[in-house]
Structures are given as structure tokens and as C-alpha cells.
Amino acid sequence: MMPPNVVILAAGLGSRLAKPFPKPLTPLHGTGTSIMQQQIDHLGAVFPGITPCVVVGFKKDLIMESFPNSLYVYNEDYADTNTSKSLLKALRMSPPGGVLWLNGDVVFERGVLELIRPLVEDDQSAVCVDHAAVGEEEVKYTVDEEGFIAELSKAVVDALGEAVGINFVSSTDKPALIDHLEACDDTDYFERGMELAITTDKMRFRPIDISAFGCVEVDFAADLHRAEGLF
């Protein structure tokens, strides 16, 4: 099987973590690696032969010099746009086939990718979720009677858990997701495009519960400390 298209979203300023370099380059103390290096290592182990496409913006040269063998898409509006527009740029330029994408600030155990791999191989759109956590400021979800994602936003009530920032869109769903990302406001997260696709086109994303494995999105120093504790 051909390796999937993989996108890492790494254009943001990362202002909440207050580092002088892109957040994906943050060292993980005790591991000898950075957030993005660990992501790429895990991706290569689970999907041999992948060449990730990284969406860059803030201090892009630092990331490009650190990972010279990756492909790159530049979001020149990184200071004024959010992940919906970074993902849009990457999907527009992606080769035929589905796309596995992840936020460049997510620290996770390799088992997370093992769980989503069957969906990637079957070309079934999917969202990695954590049933054990429902943060007030996180993107949350519910499911319909068939077990597919019904709601996906920060405003979901009676949520079953939260999305962790690792997702797959199938080859057949990708064109519609592109359309809905185009309709998003510049400041929207990419989950808004997914939400529009679900409510408008009845797009079917299968939730994948990864709560058996560690997974932390690093926004603040406390998140980084918690992420380092995974290893």
C-alpha cells in the first residue's frame, strides 16, 4: 500500500507558550528530541515511506532547516489566519488520495497512529478523540445513532470527549472539505470546516478513541510539562 499523504500544521506564532522559535521545535526534555521530530519519527514508524508536508509561517526557515527532507507549504498570512486556512492550503496542493493531518504542537504516543491506521488504509474519514477528557476550551464532540461524529466544536453540550488534533479525510471527502474550509473565517480552526461538512454534506467522520495512549496538545508551559511526563 502506498504511504498516505501527511500534513503537519506548523505555521502559528505559538504566542501562549512564549518561545522565540516555532512551537513544534520545542525540545521535550528527557527525550532528546523536539515535538515535531517525535511526530515525524512516529509517522515514519507507522507509515513507512511517508514524506510529510509541513505548513510553515512563523520563522519558517528554522523548521525548514531542521527538517530538510520534508515538503513545505507556506502560509504567508500566518499572523492573521488560523488552522483552517493552513489546512486549506495544504489540501489544495496535496496529491490524489486522502490526507492524514495533525497539529504541529501535539505530543503523543505512537499507539495513537496505530489506532487510526486501519481507517487510513480503508480510506475512511476519522477523528482521533479522547473519551477521558472534556476540557472547557477544547474542541468537543457527540455522535449520531450510527456512531459517526454529529457535532464538533468548542460549544458542544453533553460532549462525549474532545478531539486531539489528529485527523484523516478520505479521498472522496477531501474536495468537499476543501470547499468548507474556503467558507471558514480566517480566524477559524480547521474543525469549523469539518463541522460545516458534517452538518451540510452529512460527511461521516468516525471517532477513534485514543484515551488508552498519552496525547497532549501543548499550548502552555503546564501542557509541556505534562507532555514530557508521558515519556
Foldseek 3Di string as FASTA:
>chain_A
DAFAAEEEEFAAPLPQAPDPATQLQCDQPPPPGGLQVQVVVLSCVLGPPYAYEYEHHTVRVVVCVVCVRHHYDYDPCRVQFAALVSVLRDLVPDDFWKYKYFYSQKQWDSVQCVQCVVCRVVQAKAFEWAQVALDLQAWFFDADPVQFTQATGSPDDPGRTGTQGIIMHTSVCSVQLSVLSVVDDRHDHSVSSVRCCCVPVVRTYHYGHPNVIDMFRDSYPVRSVVSSVSD
